[in-house]
C-alpha atoms as a PDB file:
ATOM      1  CA  MET A   1      87.601 115.715  75.682  1.00  0.00           C
ATOM      2  CA  ALA A   2      88.598 117.362  72.416  1.00  0.00           C
ATOM      3  CA  GLY A   3      90.509 120.407  73.786  1.00  0.00           C
ATOM      4  CA  THR A   4      92.565 118.503  76.381  1.00  0.00           C
ATOM      5  CA  SER A   5      95.967 118.985  76.216  1.00  0.00           C
ATOM      6  CA  GLU A   6      98.691 116.282  75.846  1.00  0.00           C
ATOM      7  CA  SER A   7      99.637 116.733  79.481  1.00  0.00           C
ATOM      8  CA  GLU A   8      96.149 116.210  80.589  1.00  0.00           C
ATOM      9  CA  GLN A   9      96.001 113.428  78.070  1.00  0.00           C
ATOM     10  CA  GLN A  10      99.128 111.828  79.870  1.00  0.00           C
ATOM     11  CA  THR A  11      97.204 112.185  82.697  1.00  0.00           C
ATOM     12  CA  TRP A  12      95.656 109.360  85.124  1.00  0.00           C
ATOM     13  CA  VAL A  13      93.010 110.717  87.803  1.00  0.00           C
ATOM     14  CA  VAL A  14      92.433 108.395  90.403  1.00  0.00           C
ATOM     15  CA  VAL A  15      88.705 108.845  92.239  1.00  0.00           C
ATOM     16  CA  PRO A  16      88.095 106.210  95.441  1.00  0.00           C
ATOM     17  CA  ALA A  17      84.465 105.662  95.941  1.00  0.00           C
ATOM     18  CA  LEU A  18      82.104 103.953  98.422  1.00  0.00           C
ATOM     19  CA  ASN A  19      78.278 103.732  97.934  1.00  0.00           C
ATOM     20  CA  GLU A  20      78.650 107.399  95.714  1.00  0.00           C
ATOM     21  CA  GLY A  21      75.714 106.206  93.067  1.00  0.00           C
ATOM     22  CA  LYS A  22      73.629 109.442  93.743  1.00  0.00           C
ATOM     23  CA  VAL A  23      76.841 112.344  92.755  1.00  0.00           C
ATOM     24  CA  ILE A  24      79.549 109.754  90.692  1.00  0.00           C
ATOM     25  CA  ARG A  25      78.087 110.315  87.373  1.00  0.00           C
ATOM     26  CA  ARG A  26      78.307 113.691  87.789  1.00  0.00           C
ATOM     27  CA  THR A  27      81.726 114.296  89.784  1.00  0.00           C
ATOM     28  CA  ILE A  28      83.227 111.894  86.575  1.00  0.00           C
ATOM     29  CA  THR A  29      81.083 113.678  83.883  1.00  0.00           C
ATOM     30  CA  ALA A  30      82.555 117.057  85.015  1.00  0.00           C
ATOM     31  CA  LEU A  31      86.322 115.623  85.367  1.00  0.00           C
ATOM     32  CA  ARG A  32      86.373 114.132  82.275  1.00  0.00           C
ATOM     33  CA  GLU A  33      85.183 117.293  80.341  1.00  0.00           C
ATOM     34  CA  VAL A  34      89.469 118.482  81.048  1.00  0.00           C
ATOM     35  CA  PHE A  35      91.056 115.004  82.366  1.00  0.00           C
ATOM     36  CA  PRO A  36      90.227 112.327  79.591  1.00  0.00           C
ATOM     37  CA  LYS A  37      91.636 109.494  81.904  1.00  0.00           C
ATOM     38  CA  VAL A  38      89.589 108.572  84.800  1.00  0.00           C
ATOM     39  CA  VAL A  39      89.785 105.047  87.180  1.00  0.00           C
ATOM     40  CA  VAL A  40      87.475 104.633  89.859  1.00  0.00           C
ATOM     41  CA  VAL A  41      88.342 102.464  92.613  1.00  0.00           C
ATOM     42  CA  ASP A  42      84.484 101.287  93.668  1.00  0.00           C
ATOM     43  CA  ASP A  43      85.525 100.231  97.567  1.00  0.00           C
ATOM     44  CA  GLY A  44      82.910  97.583  98.278  1.00  0.00           C
ATOM     45  CA  SER A  45      79.853  99.733  97.543  1.00  0.00           C
ATOM     46  CA  LYS A  46      76.680  98.478  98.018  1.00  0.00           C
ATOM     47  CA  ASP A  47      74.602 101.021  95.901  1.00  0.00           C
ATOM     48  CA  ALA A  48      75.329 101.761  92.295  1.00  0.00           C
ATOM     49  CA  THR A  49      78.862 103.677  92.487  1.00  0.00           C
ATOM     50  CA  GLY A  50      80.650 101.315  89.612  1.00  0.00           C
ATOM     51  CA  LYS A  51      77.550 101.210  87.341  1.00  0.00           C
ATOM     52  CA  GLU A  52      77.268 104.905  87.089  1.00  0.00           C
ATOM     53  CA  ALA A  53      80.895 105.012  87.048  1.00  0.00           C
ATOM     54  CA  ILE A  54      81.277 102.973  84.144  1.00  0.00           C
ATOM     55  CA  ASP A  55      78.291 104.705  82.006  1.00  0.00           C
ATOM     56  CA  SER A  56      80.165 107.698  82.996  1.00  0.00           C
ATOM     57  CA  GLY A  57      82.857 106.816  80.883  1.00  0.00           C
ATOM     58  CA  ALA A  58      85.175 105.832  83.896  1.00  0.00           C
ATOM     59  CA  VAL A  59      87.447 102.780  83.974  1.00  0.00           C
ATOM     60  CA  VAL A  60      85.809 100.822  87.045  1.00  0.00           C
ATOM     61  CA  ILE A  61      88.144  98.511  89.612  1.00  0.00           C
ATOM     62  CA  ARG A  62      86.245  96.806  92.355  1.00  0.00           C
ATOM     63  CA  HIS A  63      87.477  96.186  95.491  1.00  0.00           C
ATOM     64  CA  PRO A  64      85.112  93.310  96.649  1.00  0.00           C
ATOM     65  CA  LEU A  65      85.084  94.149 100.347  1.00  0.00           C
ATOM     66  CA  ARG A  66      85.727  97.612 101.843  1.00  0.00           C
ATOM     67  CA  LEU A  67      89.793  97.842 102.089  1.00  0.00           C
ATOM     68  CA  GLY A  68      89.765 101.764 103.205  1.00  0.00           C
ATOM     69  CA  GLN A  69      90.269 105.331 101.040  1.00  0.00           C
ATOM     70  CA  GLY A  70      93.919 104.437 101.464  1.00  0.00           C
ATOM     71  CA  ALA A  71      93.699 101.170  99.689  1.00  0.00           C
ATOM     72  CA  ALA A  72      91.689 102.194  97.499  1.00  0.00           C
ATOM     73  CA  ILE A  73      94.131 105.028  96.008  1.00  0.00           C
ATOM     74  CA  GLN A  74      96.720 102.633  96.033  1.00  0.00           C
ATOM     75  CA  THR A  75      94.926 100.133  93.874  1.00  0.00           C
ATOM     76  CA  GLY A  76      94.208 103.301  91.523  1.00  0.00           C
ATOM     77  CA  ILE A  77      97.846 104.360  91.448  1.00  0.00           C
ATOM     78  CA  GLU A  78      99.067 100.897  90.333  1.00  0.00           C
ATOM     79  CA  PHE A  79      96.671 100.764  87.775  1.00  0.00           C
ATOM     80  CA  ALA A  80      97.786 104.161  86.459  1.00  0.00           C
ATOM     81  CA  LEU A  81     101.260 103.133  86.100  1.00  0.00           C
ATOM     82  CA  ALA A  82     100.774 100.148  84.622  1.00  0.00           C
ATOM     83  CA  HIS A  83      98.291 101.646  82.042  1.00  0.00           C
ATOM     84  CA  GLY A  84     101.597 104.582  81.063  1.00  0.00           C
ATOM     85  CA  ALA A  85     100.565 107.507  83.240  1.00  0.00           C
ATOM     86  CA  ALA A  86     103.049 109.883  82.626  1.00  0.00           C
ATOM     87  CA  TYR A  87     101.212 112.065  85.752  1.00  0.00           C
ATOM     88  CA  VAL A  88      98.773 110.635  88.236  1.00  0.00           C
ATOM     89  CA  ALA A  89      96.022 112.607  90.385  1.00  0.00           C
ATOM     90  CA  THR A  90      93.360 111.885  93.114  1.00  0.00           C
ATOM     91  CA  PHE A  91      90.141 113.317  93.008  1.00  0.00           C
ATOM     92  CA  ASP A  92      87.095 113.195  95.991  1.00  0.00           C
ATOM     93  CA  ALA A  93      84.328 111.061  94.435  1.00  0.00           C
ATOM     94  CA  ASP A  94      81.630 113.331  96.174  1.00  0.00           C
ATOM     95  CA  GLY A  95      81.435 116.574  93.984  1.00  0.00           C
ATOM     96  CA  GLN A  96      83.468 118.616  96.761  1.00  0.00           C
ATOM     97  CA  HIS A  97      86.629 119.287  93.958  1.00  0.00           C
ATOM     98  CA  ASN A  98      86.782 121.377  90.769  1.00  0.00           C
ATOM     99  CA  ALA A  99      88.081 119.730  87.246  1.00  0.00           C
ATOM    100  CA  GLN A 100      89.706 123.446  86.935  1.00  0.00           C
ATOM    101  CA  ASP A 101      91.912 123.368  89.814  1.00  0.00           C
ATOM    102  CA  LEU A 102      93.297 120.448  89.053  1.00  0.00           C
ATOM    103  CA  GLU A 103      94.318 121.723  85.482  1.00  0.00           C
ATOM    104  CA  ARG A 104      95.932 124.451  87.381  1.00  0.00           C
ATOM    105  CA  MET A 105      98.036 122.179  89.427  1.00  0.00           C
ATOM    106  CA  LEU A 106      98.951 120.120  86.876  1.00  0.00           C
ATOM    107  CA  ARG A 107      99.974 123.264  84.864  1.00  0.00           C
ATOM    108  CA  ILE A 108     102.532 124.002  88.448  1.00  0.00           C
ATOM    109  CA  LEU A 109     104.031 120.233  88.700  1.00  0.00           C
ATOM    110  CA  ARG A 110     105.169 120.853  85.237  1.00  0.00           C
ATOM    111  CA  SER A 111     106.332 124.406  85.460  1.00  0.00           C
ATOM    112  CA  GLU A 112     107.881 123.922  87.802  1.00  0.00           C
ATOM    113  CA  GLN A 113     109.243 120.799  87.326  1.00  0.00           C
ATOM    114  CA  CYS A 114     108.510 119.269  91.347  1.00  0.00           C
ATOM    115  CA  ASP A 115     107.111 115.908  92.649  1.00  0.00           C
ATOM    116  CA  ILE A 116     103.693 116.776  93.618  1.00  0.00           C
ATOM    117  CA  VAL A 117     101.372 119.809  94.236  1.00  0.00           C
ATOM    118  CA  LEU A 118      98.767 119.634  96.744  1.00  0.00           C
ATOM    119  CA  GLY A 119      95.084 121.634  96.723  1.00  0.00           C
ATOM    120  CA  SER A 120      94.758 123.828  99.739  1.00  0.00           C
ATOM    121  CA  ARG A 121      91.330 124.888 100.615  1.00  0.00           C
ATOM    122  CA  PHE A 122      92.953 127.753 102.832  1.00  0.00           C
ATOM    123  CA  LEU A 123      94.988 129.159 100.004  1.00  0.00           C
ATOM    124  CA  GLY A 124      91.735 128.791  98.094  1.00  0.00           C
ATOM    125  CA  ARG A 125      88.198 128.602  98.911  1.00  0.00           C
ATOM    126  CA  ALA A 126      85.936 126.264 101.210  1.00  0.00           C
ATOM    127  CA  GLU A 127      82.842 126.538 100.576  1.00  0.00           C
ATOM    128  CA  GLY A 128      80.113 126.112 102.993  1.00  0.00           C
ATOM    129  CA  MET A 129      82.398 124.663 105.834  1.00  0.00           C
ATOM    130  CA  SER A 130      81.523 124.715 109.226  1.00  0.00           C
ATOM    131  CA  ARG A 131      83.627 126.599 112.079  1.00  0.00           C
ATOM    132  CA  ALA A 132      83.919 123.310 113.919  1.00  0.00           C
ATOM    133  CA  ARG A 133      85.042 122.166 110.899  1.00  0.00           C
ATOM    134  CA  PHE A 134      87.993 124.962 109.928  1.00  0.00           C
ATOM    135  CA  MET A 135      89.194 124.612 113.114  1.00  0.00           C
ATOM    136  CA  LEU A 136      89.484 120.794 113.131  1.00  0.00           C
ATOM    137  CA  ILE A 137      91.171 120.515 109.483  1.00  0.00           C
ATOM    138  CA  LYS A 138      93.395 123.288 110.547  1.00  0.00           C
ATOM    139  CA  ALA A 139      94.682 121.951 113.905  1.00  0.00           C
ATOM    140  CA  ALA A 140      95.100 118.414 111.659  1.00  0.00           C
ATOM    141  CA  ALA A 141      97.445 120.440 109.356  1.00  0.00           C
ATOM    142  CA  VAL A 142      99.345 121.696 112.170  1.00  0.00           C
ATOM    143  CA  PHE A 143      99.803 118.141 113.868  1.00  0.00           C
ATOM    144  CA  THR A 144     100.968 116.534 110.560  1.00  0.00           C
ATOM    145  CA  ASN A 145     103.250 119.771 110.005  1.00  0.00           C
ATOM    146  CA  LEU A 146     104.256 119.080 113.485  1.00  0.00           C
ATOM    147  CA  THR A 147     104.780 115.370 112.996  1.00  0.00           C
ATOM    148  CA  THR A 148     106.076 114.950 109.183  1.00  0.00           C
ATOM    149  CA  GLY A 149     108.425 118.469 109.166  1.00  0.00           C
ATOM    150  CA  VAL A 150     106.478 118.919 106.231  1.00  0.00           C
ATOM    151  CA  ARG A 151     104.813 122.489 106.064  1.00  0.00           C
ATOM    152  CA  LEU A 152     101.595 122.624 104.403  1.00  0.00           C
ATOM    153  CA  THR A 153      98.473 125.037 105.337  1.00  0.00           C
ATOM    154  CA  ASP A 154      96.035 122.090 104.118  1.00  0.00           C
ATOM    155  CA  ALA A 155      97.493 118.735 104.987  1.00  0.00           C
ATOM    156  CA  HIS A 156      94.388 116.384 104.563  1.00  0.00           C
ATOM    157  CA  ASN A 157      93.022 117.852 100.947  1.00  0.00           C
ATOM    158  CA  GLY A 158      92.334 114.692  98.556  1.00  0.00           C
ATOM    159  CA  LEU A 159      92.902 116.743  95.292  1.00  0.00           C
ATOM    160  CA  ARG A 160      96.667 115.868  93.866  1.00  0.00           C
ATOM    161  CA  VAL A 161      98.701 115.691  91.148  1.00  0.00           C
ATOM    162  CA  MET A 162     102.530 113.646  91.200  1.00  0.00           C
ATOM    163  CA  THR A 163     104.599 112.338  88.690  1.00  0.00           C
ATOM    164  CA  ALA A 164     104.607 108.869  87.638  1.00  0.00           C
ATOM    165  CA  ALA A 165     107.637 108.683  89.356  1.00  0.00           C
ATOM    166  CA  THR A 166     106.506 110.138  92.344  1.00  0.00           C
ATOM    167  CA  ALA A 167     103.329 107.928  92.497  1.00  0.00           C
ATOM    168  CA  GLY A 168     105.551 104.756  91.697  1.00  0.00           C
ATOM    169  CA  ARG A 169     107.468 105.595  95.305  1.00  0.00           C
ATOM    170  CA  LEU A 170     103.805 105.953  97.700  1.00  0.00           C
ATOM    171  CA  ARG A 171     103.381 102.924  99.478  1.00  0.00           C
ATOM    172  CA  ILE A 172      99.745 103.979 101.231  1.00  0.00           C
ATOM    173  CA  VAL A 173      98.460 101.380 103.730  1.00  0.00           C
ATOM    174  CA  GLN A 174      96.241 103.681 106.261  1.00  0.00           C
ATOM    175  CA  ASP A 175      92.644 104.304 106.075  1.00  0.00           C
ATOM    176  CA  ARG A 176      90.378 107.396 106.603  1.00  0.00           C
ATOM    177  CA  MET A 177      92.432 110.667 107.903  1.00  0.00           C
ATOM    178  CA  ALA A 178      95.520 108.811 108.557  1.00  0.00           C
ATOM    179  CA  HIS A 179      96.559 107.898 104.818  1.00  0.00           C
ATOM    180  CA  ALA A 180      96.541 111.595 104.280  1.00  0.00           C
ATOM    181  CA  SER A 181      98.811 112.008 106.809  1.00  0.00           C
ATOM    182  CA  GLU A 182     100.641 108.555 105.688  1.00  0.00           C
ATOM    183  CA  ILE A 183     101.259 110.145 102.260  1.00  0.00           C
ATOM    184  CA  ILE A 184     102.779 113.477 103.706  1.00  0.00           C
ATOM    185  CA  ALA A 185     104.924 111.370 106.085  1.00  0.00           C
ATOM    186  CA  GLN A 186     106.518 109.779 102.748  1.00  0.00           C
ATOM    187  CA  ILE A 187     106.927 113.371 101.154  1.00  0.00           C
ATOM    188  CA  GLY A 188     108.885 114.717 104.039  1.00  0.00           C
ATOM    189  CA  ARG A 189     110.600 110.973 104.575  1.00  0.00           C
ATOM    190  CA  MET A 190     111.529 111.202 101.170  1.00  0.00           C
ATOM    191  CA  LYS A 191     112.526 114.529 100.620  1.00  0.00           C
ATOM    192  CA  LEU A 192     109.814 114.918  97.667  1.00  0.00           C
ATOM    193  CA  ASP A 193     109.663 118.653  96.343  1.00  0.00           C
ATOM    194  CA  VAL A 194     105.798 119.318  96.984  1.00  0.00           C
ATOM    195  CA  ARG A 195     104.066 122.555  96.346  1.00  0.00           C
ATOM    196  CA  GLU A 196     100.549 123.719  97.537  1.00  0.00           C
ATOM    197  CA  ALA A 197      98.278 125.215  94.999  1.00  0.00           C
ATOM    198  CA  PRO A 198      94.798 127.277  95.799  1.00  0.00           C
ATOM    199  CA  VAL A 199      91.786 125.281  95.456  1.00  0.00           C
ATOM    200  CA  THR A 200      87.824 125.718  95.930  1.00  0.00           C
ATOM    201  CA  VAL A 201      86.545 122.680  98.329  1.00  0.00           C
ATOM    202  CA  THR A 202      82.616 123.131  98.481  1.00  0.00           C
ATOM    203  CA  TYR A 203      80.763 121.373 101.376  1.00  0.00           C
ATOM    204  CA  SER A 204      77.141 120.400  99.844  1.00  0.00           C
ATOM    205  CA  GLU A 205      74.577 119.205 101.686  1.00  0.00           C
ATOM    206  CA  TYR A 206      75.142 115.778 100.598  1.00  0.00           C
ATOM    207  CA  SER A 207      78.532 115.588 101.042  1.00  0.00           C
ATOM    208  CA  THR A 208      78.531 117.120 104.789  1.00  0.00           C
ATOM    209  CA  ALA A 209      75.513 114.294 105.263  1.00  0.00           C
ATOM    210  CA  LYS A 210      77.664 111.507 104.081  1.00  0.00           C
ATOM    211  CA  GLY A 211      81.272 111.674 104.944  1.00  0.00           C
ATOM    212  CA  GLN A 212      82.126 114.953 106.869  1.00  0.00           C
ATOM    213  CA  LYS A 213      79.631 115.117 109.358  1.00  0.00           C
ATOM    214  CA  MET A 214      81.245 116.702 112.910  1.00  0.00           C
ATOM    215  CA  SER A 215      80.549 113.586 114.944  1.00  0.00           C
ATOM    216  CA  ASN A 216      83.435 112.002 113.199  1.00  0.00           C
ATOM    217  CA  SER A 217      85.754 114.584 114.665  1.00  0.00           C
ATOM    218  CA  PHE A 218      86.946 112.047 117.115  1.00  0.00           C
ATOM    219  CA  ARG A 219      87.530 109.288 115.183  1.00  0.00           C
ATOM    220  CA  ILE A 220      89.555 111.790 112.146  1.00  0.00           C
ATOM    221  CA  LEU A 221      91.648 112.603 115.227  1.00  0.00           C
ATOM    222  CA  LEU A 222      92.209 109.129 115.800  1.00  0.00           C
ATOM    223  CA  ASP A 223      93.183 108.051 112.794  1.00  0.00           C
ATOM    224  CA  LEU A 224      95.709 111.212 112.996  1.00  0.00           C
ATOM    225  CA  PHE A 225      97.367 109.751 115.949  1.00  0.00           C
ATOM    226  CA  VAL A 226      97.137 106.199 115.253  1.00  0.00           C
ATOM    227  CA  GLY A 227      98.940 107.042 112.106  1.00  0.00           C
ATOM    228  CA  TRP A 228     101.617 108.704 113.837  1.00  0.00           C
ATOM    229  CA  LEU A 229     102.200 106.196 115.986  1.00  0.00           C
ATOM    230  CA  LEU A 230     102.320 103.602 113.203  1.00  0.00           C
ATOM    231  CA  ARG A 231     105.011 105.776 110.708  1.00  0.00           C
END
């Protein structure tokens, strides 16, 4: 952490987490080597997620009951802004993301003076991603592009970085995949200046078994449709 830049010191990284006790310490430890300010929002976990996150140096906020990933991100954003963040990022808890990608995204945000930078696994790499998953995420991006007017290659990537002003304007109420579509819809309505950056998303045996199973496909598509109806 001694080598972090001023902008990295001014960034709060929001990590929503649900039952990630097996991997959260490794995720946060690697993340804090670049970004020292990390807030984990423990969304009603039944395991040791909160303790592991605290032991790895993160600030932990706990939802007593599961409210959903969208609510966890909103809670984390509000905490970050209340604690003086100049920039706010979101980062998955399950080890799929890379802190160095987020570092590059922050540089793009600052150098191009845009409002928000979104990670794209299709401009970068998706390691271990099944063909069926590839087609699903591509279809979700097309659907979101059509319904929001925002042209993106990857509309449902949890790796994001934004200015504090942008973060303060977001109001996230949807859960699961729908919250990602909700963020894109708000970007479109507010006509925010958005960029995409290539990132690597790694699908491990753990993340595939826990949250990326193709058995969730119909639920994901339903979430997208419901999110569109409720916009």
